[in-house]
Amino acid sequence: MTIHSVTPTADPAFQILPSHKAEDLTKGGNLAHIRLGDQLYTLRITRAGKLILTK
């Protein structure tokens, strides 16, 4: 699996997308729950600084 980082560009479509810091979502920790409809997901920041989203 390849992970790509997103770099802000001059593309107007990119600039209107919401942007959130993972550290803000986890309140300085390494885990956060994200709800989508009736499903609950877990966002994890790894020691290597990568993100994992699991159901």
N, C-alpha and C. Protein backbone atom coordinates (compact mmCIF):
# COMPACT_ATOMS: atom_id res chain seq x y z
N MET A 1 0.84 -1.17 0.00
CA MET A 1 0.00 0.00 0.00
C MET A 1 0.88 1.23 0.00
N THR A 2 0.56 2.18 -0.86
CA THR A 2 1.31 3.41 -0.95
C THR A 2 0.51 4.54 -0.31
N ILE A 3 1.17 5.33 0.50
CA ILE A 3 0.51 6.46 1.15
C ILE A 3 1.09 7.74 0.55
N HIS A 4 0.21 8.62 0.10
CA HIS A 4 0.62 9.88 -0.48
C HIS A 4 0.27 11.01 0.45
N SER A 5 1.15 11.96 0.59
CA SER A 5 0.82 13.14 1.39
C SER A 5 0.24 14.20 0.46
N VAL A 6 -0.63 15.03 1.00
CA VAL A 6 -1.28 16.07 0.22
C VAL A 6 -0.60 17.39 0.53
N THR A 7 -0.21 18.08 -0.53
CA THR A 7 0.42 19.38 -0.39
C THR A 7 -0.52 20.43 -0.94
N PRO A 8 -0.80 21.48 -0.17
CA PRO A 8 -1.69 22.53 -0.69
C PRO A 8 -1.16 23.11 -1.99
N THR A 9 -2.07 23.38 -2.91
CA THR A 9 -1.70 23.95 -4.20
C THR A 9 -2.53 25.19 -4.45
N ALA A 10 -2.32 25.79 -5.60
CA ALA A 10 -3.11 26.96 -5.99
C ALA A 10 -4.47 26.55 -6.55
N ASP A 11 -4.75 25.27 -6.64
CA ASP A 11 -6.01 24.77 -7.17
C ASP A 11 -7.16 25.22 -6.27
N PRO A 12 -8.10 26.02 -6.79
CA PRO A 12 -9.22 26.51 -5.97
C PRO A 12 -10.06 25.39 -5.38
N ALA A 13 -10.22 24.27 -6.08
CA ALA A 13 -11.01 23.16 -5.55
C ALA A 13 -10.38 22.61 -4.28
N PHE A 14 -9.06 22.56 -4.23
CA PHE A 14 -8.36 22.07 -3.04
C PHE A 14 -8.58 23.01 -1.86
N GLN A 15 -8.59 24.29 -2.10
CA GLN A 15 -8.67 25.27 -1.02
C GLN A 15 -10.04 25.32 -0.35
N ILE A 16 -11.11 24.81 -0.97
CA ILE A 16 -12.42 24.85 -0.34
C ILE A 16 -12.71 23.62 0.50
N LEU A 17 -11.84 22.61 0.45
CA LEU A 17 -12.04 21.41 1.25
C LEU A 17 -11.71 21.68 2.71
N PRO A 18 -12.50 21.13 3.64
CA PRO A 18 -12.16 21.30 5.07
C PRO A 18 -10.82 20.63 5.37
N SER A 19 -10.07 21.22 6.26
CA SER A 19 -8.78 20.68 6.67
C SER A 19 -8.73 20.61 8.19
N HIS A 20 -8.28 19.47 8.72
CA HIS A 20 -8.24 19.28 10.17
C HIS A 20 -6.89 18.67 10.55
N LYS A 21 -6.31 19.13 11.62
CA LYS A 21 -5.08 18.54 12.13
C LYS A 21 -5.43 17.29 12.92
N ALA A 22 -4.77 16.19 12.62
CA ALA A 22 -5.04 14.93 13.32
C ALA A 22 -4.81 15.10 14.81
N GLU A 23 -3.80 15.88 15.19
CA GLU A 23 -3.51 16.11 16.61
C GLU A 23 -4.66 16.84 17.31
N ASP A 24 -5.37 17.69 16.57
CA ASP A 24 -6.53 18.37 17.14
C ASP A 24 -7.67 17.38 17.34
N LEU A 25 -7.86 16.48 16.38
CA LEU A 25 -8.92 15.48 16.50
C LEU A 25 -8.67 14.54 17.67
N THR A 26 -7.40 14.23 17.94
CA THR A 26 -7.07 13.30 19.02
C THR A 26 -6.78 14.04 20.33
N LYS A 27 -6.91 15.36 20.32
CA LYS A 27 -6.66 16.20 21.49
C LYS A 27 -5.30 15.91 22.12
N GLY A 28 -4.28 15.79 21.24
CA GLY A 28 -2.91 15.59 21.71
C GLY A 28 -2.55 14.13 21.97
N GLY A 29 -3.52 13.24 21.89
CA GLY A 29 -3.24 11.82 22.09
C GLY A 29 -2.96 11.15 20.76
N ASN A 30 -3.27 9.85 20.68
CA ASN A 30 -3.05 9.17 19.41
C ASN A 30 -4.29 8.43 18.90
N LEU A 31 -5.44 8.62 19.57
CA LEU A 31 -6.69 7.97 19.15
C LEU A 31 -7.84 8.96 19.15
N ALA A 32 -8.76 8.77 18.19
CA ALA A 32 -10.00 9.53 18.16
C ALA A 32 -11.08 8.66 17.53
N HIS A 33 -12.31 8.85 17.97
CA HIS A 33 -13.44 8.18 17.34
C HIS A 33 -14.07 9.15 16.35
N ILE A 34 -14.44 8.63 15.20
CA ILE A 34 -15.12 9.42 14.17
C ILE A 34 -16.40 8.69 13.81
N ARG A 35 -17.51 9.39 13.91
CA ARG A 35 -18.81 8.79 13.61
C ARG A 35 -19.24 9.21 12.20
N LEU A 36 -19.70 8.23 11.42
CA LEU A 36 -20.29 8.48 10.11
C LEU A 36 -21.61 7.73 10.06
N GLY A 37 -22.69 8.47 10.13
CA GLY A 37 -24.01 7.84 10.22
C GLY A 37 -24.09 7.05 11.52
N ASP A 38 -24.42 5.75 11.41
CA ASP A 38 -24.49 4.92 12.61
C ASP A 38 -23.23 4.08 12.82
N GLN A 39 -22.18 4.37 12.04
CA GLN A 39 -20.91 3.63 12.14
C GLN A 39 -19.89 4.43 12.95
N LEU A 40 -19.09 3.74 13.74
CA LEU A 40 -18.05 4.38 14.53
C LEU A 40 -16.69 3.88 14.05
N TYR A 41 -15.81 4.80 13.74
CA TYR A 41 -14.47 4.48 13.26
C TYR A 41 -13.45 4.97 14.28
N THR A 42 -12.27 4.37 14.26
CA THR A 42 -11.17 4.79 15.13
C THR A 42 -10.03 5.32 14.27
N LEU A 43 -9.61 6.53 14.56
CA LEU A 43 -8.45 7.14 13.90
C LEU A 43 -7.28 6.98 14.85
N ARG A 44 -6.19 6.42 14.35
CA ARG A 44 -5.01 6.18 15.17
C ARG A 44 -3.80 6.85 14.50
N ILE A 45 -3.01 7.57 15.29
CA ILE A 45 -1.73 8.10 14.83
C ILE A 45 -0.66 7.12 15.31
N THR A 46 0.10 6.56 14.38
CA THR A 46 1.12 5.58 14.75
C THR A 46 2.38 6.27 15.26
N ARG A 47 3.27 5.48 15.84
CA ARG A 47 4.56 6.04 16.31
C ARG A 47 5.37 6.61 15.16
N ALA A 48 5.13 6.10 13.94
CA ALA A 48 5.85 6.57 12.76
C ALA A 48 5.20 7.82 12.17
N GLY A 49 4.11 8.31 12.82
CA GLY A 49 3.45 9.52 12.33
C GLY A 49 2.50 9.28 11.18
N LYS A 50 2.05 8.07 10.98
CA LYS A 50 1.09 7.72 9.93
C LYS A 50 -0.30 7.63 10.54
N LEU A 51 -1.33 7.69 9.69
CA LEU A 51 -2.70 7.58 10.15
C LEU A 51 -3.30 6.25 9.74
N ILE A 52 -4.07 5.65 10.65
CA ILE A 52 -4.81 4.42 10.38
C ILE A 52 -6.25 4.68 10.77
N LEU A 53 -7.19 4.40 9.85
CA LEU A 53 -8.61 4.54 10.14
C LEU A 53 -9.24 3.17 10.05
N THR A 54 -9.83 2.70 11.16
CA THR A 54 -10.43 1.37 11.19
C THR A 54 -11.86 1.46 11.65
N LYS A 55 -12.64 0.46 11.27
CA LYS A 55 -14.04 0.39 11.62
C LYS A 55 -14.20 -0.39 12.92
